[in-house]
PDB file of all heavy atoms in Angstrom:
ATOM      1  N   GLY A   1     118.905 107.999  98.334  1.00  0.00           N
ATOM      2  CA  GLY A   1     117.912 107.392  99.214  1.00  0.00           C
ATOM      3  C   GLY A   1     118.435 106.073  99.791  1.00  0.00           C
ATOM      4  O   GLY A   1     118.936 105.241  99.045  1.00  0.00           O
ATOM      5  N   ALA A   2     118.298 105.939 101.055  1.00  0.00           N
ATOM      6  CA  ALA A   2     118.698 104.683 101.795  1.00  0.00           C
ATOM      7  C   ALA A   2     117.401 103.879 102.137  1.00  0.00           C
ATOM      8  O   ALA A   2     116.505 104.472 102.652  1.00  0.00           O
ATOM      9  CB  ALA A   2     119.527 104.982 103.002  1.00  0.00           C
ATOM     10  N   THR A   3     117.476 102.662 101.846  1.00  0.00           N
ATOM     11  CA  THR A   3     116.290 101.785 102.206  1.00  0.00           C
ATOM     12  C   THR A   3     116.162 101.629 103.708  1.00  0.00           C
ATOM     13  O   THR A   3     117.121 101.654 104.463  1.00  0.00           O
ATOM     14  CB  THR A   3     116.427 100.374 101.533  1.00  0.00           C
ATOM     15  OG1 THR A   3     117.703  99.822 101.842  1.00  0.00           O
ATOM     16  CG2 THR A   3     116.340 100.538 100.016  1.00  0.00           C
ATOM     17  N   LEU A   4     114.946 101.416 104.155  1.00  0.00           N
ATOM     18  CA  LEU A   4     114.621 101.372 105.588  1.00  0.00           C
ATOM     19  C   LEU A   4     114.998  99.915 106.075  1.00  0.00           C
ATOM     20  O   LEU A   4     114.630  98.984 105.477  1.00  0.00           O
ATOM     21  CB  LEU A   4     113.120 101.585 105.823  1.00  0.00           C
ATOM     22  CG  LEU A   4     112.605 102.936 105.286  1.00  0.00           C
ATOM     23  CD1 LEU A   4     111.110 103.038 105.659  1.00  0.00           C
ATOM     24  CD2 LEU A   4     113.383 104.112 105.781  1.00  0.00           C
ATOM     25  N   THR A   5     115.658  99.899 107.224  1.00  0.00           N
ATOM     26  CA  THR A   5     116.219  98.668 107.760  1.00  0.00           C
ATOM     27  C   THR A   5     115.125  97.838 108.537  1.00  0.00           C
ATOM     28  O   THR A   5     114.108  98.403 108.947  1.00  0.00           O
ATOM     29  CB  THR A   5     117.379  98.893 108.652  1.00  0.00           C
ATOM     30  OG1 THR A   5     116.975  99.899 109.714  1.00  0.00           O
ATOM     31  CG2 THR A   5     118.548  99.449 107.898  1.00  0.00           C
ATOM     32  N   PRO A   6     115.251  96.529 108.635  1.00  0.00           N
ATOM     33  CA  PRO A   6     114.224  95.640 109.233  1.00  0.00           C
ATOM     34  C   PRO A   6     114.028  95.967 110.740  1.00  0.00           C
ATOM     35  O   PRO A   6     114.936  96.388 111.441  1.00  0.00           O
ATOM     36  CB  PRO A   6     114.743  94.305 109.062  1.00  0.00           C
ATOM     37  CG  PRO A   6     115.944  94.372 108.118  1.00  0.00           C
ATOM     38  CD  PRO A   6     116.433  95.765 108.178  1.00  0.00           C
ATOM     39  N   PHE A   7     112.783  95.642 111.212  1.00  0.00           N
ATOM     40  CA  PHE A   7     112.521  95.871 112.654  1.00  0.00           C
ATOM     41  C   PHE A   7     111.495  94.867 113.126  1.00  0.00           C
ATOM     42  O   PHE A   7     110.863  95.136 114.209  1.00  0.00           O
ATOM     43  CB  PHE A   7     112.087  97.281 112.975  1.00  0.00           C
ATOM     44  CG  PHE A   7     110.847  97.758 112.293  1.00  0.00           C
ATOM     45  CD1 PHE A   7     109.687  97.827 113.018  1.00  0.00           C
ATOM     46  CD2 PHE A   7     110.811  98.158 110.941  1.00  0.00           C
ATOM     47  CE1 PHE A   7     108.510  98.227 112.431  1.00  0.00           C
ATOM     48  CE2 PHE A   7     109.664  98.560 110.356  1.00  0.00           C
ATOM     49  CZ  PHE A   7     108.473  98.637 111.090  1.00  0.00           C
ATOM     50  N   GLU A   8     111.325  93.745 112.491  1.00  0.00           N
ATOM     51  CA  GLU A   8     110.452  92.763 113.021  1.00  0.00           C
ATOM     52  C   GLU A   8     110.895  92.221 114.424  1.00  0.00           C
ATOM     53  O   GLU A   8     112.026  91.973 114.628  1.00  0.00           O
ATOM     54  CB  GLU A   8     110.304  91.561 112.081  1.00  0.00           C
ATOM     55  CG  GLU A   8     109.326  90.512 112.479  1.00  0.00           C
ATOM     56  CD  GLU A   8     109.154  89.380 111.426  1.00  0.00           C
ATOM     57  OE1 GLU A   8     109.571  89.596 110.235  1.00  0.00           O
ATOM     58  OE2 GLU A   8     108.697  88.332 111.852  1.00  0.00           O
ATOM     59  N   GLY A   9     109.950  92.085 115.313  1.00  0.00           N
ATOM     60  CA  GLY A   9     110.266  91.632 116.682  1.00  0.00           C
ATOM     61  C   GLY A   9     110.812  92.738 117.551  1.00  0.00           C
ATOM     62  O   GLY A   9     111.323  92.359 118.657  1.00  0.00           O
ATOM     63  N   ASP A  10     110.727  93.975 117.177  1.00  0.00           N
ATOM     64  CA  ASP A  10     111.320  95.043 117.948  1.00  0.00           C
ATOM     65  C   ASP A  10     110.716  95.112 119.339  1.00  0.00           C
ATOM     66  O   ASP A  10     109.550  94.791 119.511  1.00  0.00           O
ATOM     67  CB  ASP A  10     111.262  96.307 117.220  1.00  0.00           C
ATOM     68  CG  ASP A  10     109.847  96.917 117.295  1.00  0.00           C
ATOM     69  OD1 ASP A  10     108.945  96.391 116.609  1.00  0.00           O
ATOM     70  OD2 ASP A  10     109.660  97.895 118.032  1.00  0.00           O
ATOM     71  N   THR A  11     111.485  95.552 120.288  1.00  0.00           N
ATOM     72  CA  THR A  11     111.009  95.636 121.675  1.00  0.00           C
ATOM     73  C   THR A  11     110.336  96.959 121.937  1.00  0.00           C
ATOM     74  O   THR A  11     109.873  97.193 123.136  1.00  0.00           O
ATOM     75  CB  THR A  11     112.239  95.519 122.634  1.00  0.00           C
ATOM     76  OG1 THR A  11     113.129  96.566 122.389  1.00  0.00           O
ATOM     77  CG2 THR A  11     112.868  94.156 122.496  1.00  0.00           C
ATOM     78  N   LEU A  12     110.205  97.830 120.969  1.00  0.00           N
ATOM     79  CA  LEU A  12     109.556  99.124 121.165  1.00  0.00           C
ATOM     80  C   LEU A  12     108.026  99.081 120.809  1.00  0.00           C
ATOM     81  O   LEU A  12     107.357 100.142 120.992  1.00  0.00           O
ATOM     82  CB  LEU A  12     110.202 100.253 120.397  1.00  0.00           C
ATOM     83  CG  LEU A  12     111.744 100.410 120.629  1.00  0.00           C
ATOM     84  CD1 LEU A  12     112.241 101.629 119.865  1.00  0.00           C
ATOM     85  CD2 LEU A  12     112.009 100.543 122.099  1.00  0.00           C
ATOM     86  N   GLY A  13     107.601  98.008 120.257  1.00  0.00           N
ATOM     87  CA  GLY A  13     106.116  97.930 119.815  1.00  0.00           C
ATOM     88  C   GLY A  13     105.906  98.589 118.516  1.00  0.00           C
ATOM     89  O   GLY A  13     104.769  98.985 118.214  1.00  0.00           O
ATOM     90  N   PHE A  14     106.876  98.785 117.675  1.00  0.00           N
ATOM     91  CA  PHE A  14     106.700  99.454 116.391  1.00  0.00           C
ATOM     92  C   PHE A  14     106.120  98.531 115.262  1.00  0.00           C
ATOM     93  O   PHE A  14     105.381  98.893 114.440  1.00  0.00           O
ATOM     94  CB  PHE A  14     108.063  99.930 115.841  1.00  0.00           C
ATOM     95  CG  PHE A  14     108.564 101.231 116.406  1.00  0.00           C
ATOM     96  CD1 PHE A  14     108.026 101.744 117.660  1.00  0.00           C
ATOM     97  CD2 PHE A  14     109.471 102.042 115.789  1.00  0.00           C
ATOM     98  CE1 PHE A  14     108.494 102.948 118.199  1.00  0.00           C
ATOM     99  CE2 PHE A  14     109.983 103.212 116.290  1.00  0.00           C
ATOM    100  CZ  PHE A  14     109.479 103.672 117.511  1.00  0.00           C
ATOM    101  N   HIS A  15     106.443  97.207 115.362  1.00  0.00           N
ATOM    102  CA  HIS A  15     106.175  96.334 114.227  1.00  0.00           C
ATOM    103  C   HIS A  15     104.782  95.813 114.234  1.00  0.00           C
ATOM    104  O   HIS A  15     104.190  95.563 115.280  1.00  0.00           O
ATOM    105  CB  HIS A  15     107.206  95.182 114.260  1.00  0.00           C
ATOM    106  CG  HIS A  15     107.136  94.293 113.061  1.00  0.00           C
ATOM    107  ND1 HIS A  15     106.264  93.223 112.984  1.00  0.00           N
ATOM    108  CD2 HIS A  15     107.736  94.386 111.843  1.00  0.00           C
ATOM    109  CE1 HIS A  15     106.412  92.653 111.814  1.00  0.00           C
ATOM    110  NE2 HIS A  15     107.289  93.286 111.121  1.00  0.00           N
ATOM    111  N   SER A  16     104.284  95.613 112.998  1.00  0.00           N
ATOM    112  CA  SER A  16     103.139  94.795 112.811  1.00  0.00           C
ATOM    113  C   SER A  16     103.157  94.375 111.315  1.00  0.00           C
ATOM    114  O   SER A  16     103.908  94.931 110.558  1.00  0.00           O
ATOM    115  CB  SER A  16     101.838  95.674 113.017  1.00  0.00           C
ATOM    116  OG  SER A  16     101.610  96.605 111.975  1.00  0.00           O
ATOM    117  N   PRO A  17     102.380  93.332 110.965  1.00  0.00           N
ATOM    118  CA  PRO A  17     102.441  92.894 109.560  1.00  0.00           C
ATOM    119  C   PRO A  17     102.121  94.108 108.556  1.00  0.00           C
ATOM    120  O   PRO A  17     102.773  94.159 107.569  1.00  0.00           O
ATOM    121  CB  PRO A  17     101.430  91.752 109.482  1.00  0.00           C
ATOM    122  CG  PRO A  17     101.428  91.236 110.879  1.00  0.00           C
ATOM    123  CD  PRO A  17     101.597  92.436 111.785  1.00  0.00           C
ATOM    124  N   GLY A  18     101.102  94.937 108.880  1.00  0.00           N
ATOM    125  CA  GLY A  18     100.780  96.018 108.097  1.00  0.00           C
ATOM    126  C   GLY A  18     101.946  97.002 107.915  1.00  0.00           C
ATOM    127  O   GLY A  18     102.188  97.548 106.867  1.00  0.00           O
ATOM    128  N   ARG A  19     102.587  97.220 109.020  1.00  0.00           N
ATOM    129  CA  ARG A  19     103.705  98.190 109.018  1.00  0.00           C
ATOM    130  C   ARG A  19     104.862  97.617 108.226  1.00  0.00           C
ATOM    131  O   ARG A  19     105.593  98.378 107.540  1.00  0.00           O
ATOM    132  CB  ARG A  19     104.088  98.642 110.429  1.00  0.00           C
ATOM    133  CG  ARG A  19     103.054  99.473 111.071  1.00  0.00           C
ATOM    134  CD  ARG A  19     103.308  99.755 112.509  1.00  0.00           C
ATOM    135  NE  ARG A  19     102.392 100.858 112.982  1.00  0.00           N
ATOM    136  CZ  ARG A  19     102.399 101.363 114.152  1.00  0.00           C
ATOM    137  NH1 ARG A  19     103.245 100.886 115.118  1.00  0.00           N
ATOM    138  NH2 ARG A  19     101.587 102.292 114.502  1.00  0.00           N
ATOM    139  N   GLU A  20     105.068  96.352 108.292  1.00  0.00           N
ATOM    140  CA  GLU A  20     106.122  95.713 107.478  1.00  0.00           C
ATOM    141  C   GLU A  20     105.798  95.919 106.042  1.00  0.00           C
ATOM    142  O   GLU A  20     106.704  96.128 105.149  1.00  0.00           O
ATOM    143  CB  GLU A  20     106.289  94.239 107.817  1.00  0.00           C
ATOM    144  CG  GLU A  20     107.258  93.418 106.938  1.00  0.00           C
ATOM    145  CD  GLU A  20     108.680  93.903 107.005  1.00  0.00           C
ATOM    146  OE1 GLU A  20     109.000  94.759 107.863  1.00  0.00           O
ATOM    147  OE2 GLU A  20     109.491  93.422 106.172  1.00  0.00           O
ATOM    148  N   ARG A  21     104.555  95.774 105.616  1.00  0.00           N
ATOM    149  CA  ARG A  21     104.157  95.882 104.266  1.00  0.00           C
ATOM    150  C   ARG A  21     104.415  97.386 103.774  1.00  0.00           C
ATOM    151  O   ARG A  21     104.890  97.570 102.615  1.00  0.00           O
ATOM    152  CB  ARG A  21     102.696  95.589 104.013  1.00  0.00           C
ATOM    153  CG  ARG A  21     102.411  94.081 104.058  1.00  0.00           C
ATOM    154  CD  ARG A  21     100.972  93.767 103.569  1.00  0.00           C
ATOM    155  NE  ARG A  21      99.978  94.254 104.448  1.00  0.00           N
ATOM    156  CZ  ARG A  21      99.502  93.514 105.531  1.00  0.00           C
ATOM    157  NH1 ARG A  21      99.919  92.361 105.723  1.00  0.00           N
ATOM    158  NH2 ARG A  21      98.536  94.016 106.259  1.00  0.00           N
ATOM    159  N   ARG A  22     104.219  98.292 104.702  1.00  0.00           N
ATOM    160  CA  ARG A  22     104.559  99.697 104.356  1.00  0.00           C
ATOM    161  C   ARG A  22     106.041  99.903 104.119  1.00  0.00           C
ATOM    162  O   ARG A  22     106.449 100.597 103.231  1.00  0.00           O
ATOM    163  CB  ARG A  22     104.004 100.632 105.427  1.00  0.00           C
ATOM    164  CG  ARG A  22     102.642 101.181 105.138  1.00  0.00           C
ATOM    165  CD  ARG A  22     102.087 102.008 106.342  1.00  0.00           C
ATOM    166  NE  ARG A  22     101.377 101.113 107.245  1.00  0.00           N
ATOM    167  CZ  ARG A  22     100.908 101.514 108.409  1.00  0.00           C
ATOM    168  NH1 ARG A  22     101.082 102.760 108.807  1.00  0.00           N
ATOM    169  NH2 ARG A  22     100.285 100.665 109.182  1.00  0.00           N
ATOM    170  N   ARG A  23     106.832  99.281 105.023  1.00  0.00           N
ATOM    171  CA  ARG A  23     108.268  99.419 104.930  1.00  0.00           C
ATOM    172  C   ARG A  23     108.766  98.879 103.571  1.00  0.00           C
ATOM    173  O   ARG A  23     109.553  99.452 102.790  1.00  0.00           O
ATOM    174  CB  ARG A  23     109.016  98.695 106.008  1.00  0.00           C
ATOM    175  CG  ARG A  23     110.542  98.795 105.966  1.00  0.00           C
ATOM    176  CD  ARG A  23     111.209  98.012 107.112  1.00  0.00           C
ATOM    177  NE  ARG A  23     111.221  96.606 106.771  1.00  0.00           N
ATOM    178  CZ  ARG A  23     112.181  95.968 106.195  1.00  0.00           C
ATOM    179  NH1 ARG A  23     113.229  96.598 105.740  1.00  0.00           N
ATOM    180  NH2 ARG A  23     112.090  94.648 106.015  1.00  0.00           N
ATOM    181  N   GLN A  24     108.165  97.650 103.190  1.00  0.00           N
ATOM    182  CA  GLN A  24     108.604  97.055 101.935  1.00  0.00           C
ATOM    183  C   GLN A  24     108.195  97.912 100.734  1.00  0.00           C
ATOM    184  O   GLN A  24     108.870  98.018  99.770  1.00  0.00           O
ATOM    185  CB  GLN A  24     107.937  95.655 101.847  1.00  0.00           C
ATOM    186  CG  GLN A  24     108.495  94.641 102.835  1.00  0.00           C
ATOM    187  CD  GLN A  24     109.911  94.236 102.604  1.00  0.00           C
ATOM    188  OE1 GLN A  24     110.464  94.579 101.534  1.00  0.00           O
ATOM    189  NE2 GLN A  24     110.429  93.391 103.437  1.00  0.00           N
ATOM    190  N   ALA A  25     107.030  98.523 100.812  1.00  0.00           N
ATOM    191  CA  ALA A  25     106.484  99.385  99.748  1.00  0.00           C
ATOM    192  C   ALA A  25     107.439 100.601  99.568  1.00  0.00           C
ATOM    193  O   ALA A  25     107.715 100.980  98.382  1.00  0.00           O
ATOM    194  CB  ALA A  25     105.028  99.896 100.038  1.00  0.00           C
ATOM    195  N   VAL A  26     107.811 101.228 100.640  1.00  0.00           N
ATOM    196  CA  VAL A  26     108.709 102.360 100.586  1.00  0.00           C
ATOM    197  C   VAL A  26     110.040 101.926  99.993  1.00  0.00           C
ATOM    198  O   VAL A  26     110.625 102.645  99.147  1.00  0.00           O
ATOM    199  CB  VAL A  26     108.911 103.050 101.982  1.00  0.00           C
ATOM    200  CG1 VAL A  26     109.981 104.136 101.918  1.00  0.00           C
ATOM    201  CG2 VAL A  26     107.505 103.603 102.480  1.00  0.00           C
ATOM    202  N   ASN A  27     110.626 100.839 100.451  1.00  0.00           N
ATOM    203  CA  ASN A  27     111.904 100.373  99.958  1.00  0.00           C
ATOM    204  C   ASN A  27     111.775  99.940  98.482  1.00  0.00           C
ATOM    205  O   ASN A  27     112.742 100.344  97.711  1.00  0.00           O
ATOM    206  CB  ASN A  27     112.326  99.132 100.764  1.00  0.00           C
ATOM    207  CG  ASN A  27     112.989  99.478 102.103  1.00  0.00           C
ATOM    208  OD1 ASN A  27     113.085 100.670 102.352  1.00  0.00           O
ATOM    209  ND2 ASN A  27     113.232  98.560 102.896  1.00  0.00           N
ATOM    210  N   ARG A  28     110.710  99.426  98.089  1.00  0.00           N
ATOM    211  CA  ARG A  28     110.515  99.094  96.674  1.00  0.00           C
ATOM    212  C   ARG A  28     110.541 100.367  95.817  1.00  0.00           C
ATOM    213  O   ARG A  28     111.204 100.402  94.711  1.00  0.00           O
ATOM    214  CB  ARG A  28     109.227  98.277  96.450  1.00  0.00           C
ATOM    215  CG  ARG A  28     109.003  97.779  95.032  1.00  0.00           C
ATOM    216  CD  ARG A  28     107.909  96.710  94.981  1.00  0.00           C
ATOM    217  NE  ARG A  28     106.701  97.107  95.717  1.00  0.00           N
ATOM    218  CZ  ARG A  28     106.273  96.645  96.844  1.00  0.00           C
ATOM    219  NH1 ARG A  28     106.987  95.668  97.480  1.00  0.00           N
ATOM    220  NH2 ARG A  28     105.139  97.057  97.413  1.00  0.00           N
ATOM    221  N   TRP A  29     109.906 101.380  96.342  1.00  0.00           N
ATOM    222  CA  TRP A  29     109.908 102.675  95.512  1.00  0.00           C
ATOM    223  C   TRP A  29     111.283 103.298  95.506  1.00  0.00           C
ATOM    224  O   TRP A  29     111.780 103.744  94.477  1.00  0.00           O
ATOM    225  CB  TRP A  29     108.878 103.599  96.221  1.00  0.00           C
ATOM    226  CG  TRP A  29     108.918 104.988  95.611  1.00  0.00           C
ATOM    227  CD1 TRP A  29     108.321 105.346  94.465  1.00  0.00           C
ATOM    228  CD2 TRP A  29     109.743 106.128  95.994  1.00  0.00           C
ATOM    229  NE1 TRP A  29     108.596 106.669  94.118  1.00  0.00           N
ATOM    230  CE2 TRP A  29     109.512 107.179  95.119  1.00  0.00           C
ATOM    231  CE3 TRP A  29     110.565 106.340  97.085  1.00  0.00           C
ATOM    232  CZ2 TRP A  29     110.050 108.392  95.242  1.00  0.00           C
ATOM    233  CZ3 TRP A  29     111.185 107.580  97.161  1.00  0.00           C
ATOM    234  CH2 TRP A  29     110.892 108.585  96.278  1.00  0.00           C
ATOM    235  N   ILE A  30     112.052 103.283  96.632  1.00  0.00           N
ATOM    236  CA  ILE A  30     113.349 103.797  96.682  1.00  0.00           C
ATOM    237  C   ILE A  30     114.257 103.151  95.663  1.00  0.00           C
ATOM    238  O   ILE A  30     115.016 103.754  94.897  1.00  0.00           O
ATOM    239  CB  ILE A  30     113.953 103.734  98.123  1.00  0.00           C
ATOM    240  CG1 ILE A  30     113.234 104.697  99.058  1.00  0.00           C
ATOM    241  CG2 ILE A  30     115.442 104.054  98.085  1.00  0.00           C
ATOM    242  CD1 ILE A  30     113.622 104.588 100.497  1.00  0.00           C
ATOM    243  N   ARG A  31     114.162 101.776  95.611  1.00  0.00           N
ATOM    244  CA  ARG A  31     115.032 100.970  94.758  1.00  0.00           C
ATOM    245  C   ARG A  31     114.701 101.147  93.244  1.00  0.00           C
ATOM    246  O   ARG A  31     115.622 101.102  92.434  1.00  0.00           O
ATOM    247  CB  ARG A  31     114.907  99.486  95.111  1.00  0.00           C
ATOM    248  CG  ARG A  31     115.529  99.106  96.490  1.00  0.00           C
ATOM    249  CD  ARG A  31     115.461  97.556  96.684  1.00  0.00           C
ATOM    250  NE  ARG A  31     116.081  97.173  97.945  1.00  0.00           N
ATOM    251  CZ  ARG A  31     115.353  96.699  99.000  1.00  0.00           C
ATOM    252  NH1 ARG A  31     114.013  96.553  98.861  1.00  0.00           N
ATOM    253  NH2 ARG A  31     115.971  96.324 100.079  1.00  0.00           N
TER     254      ARG A  31
END
């Protein structure tokens, strides 16, 4: 499993604080 890379400030409109928390939760589980 590879951890999900950062995307804060992305120009595609993907990021939000809640979505960052989800990324961190998935990465914590992978690790």
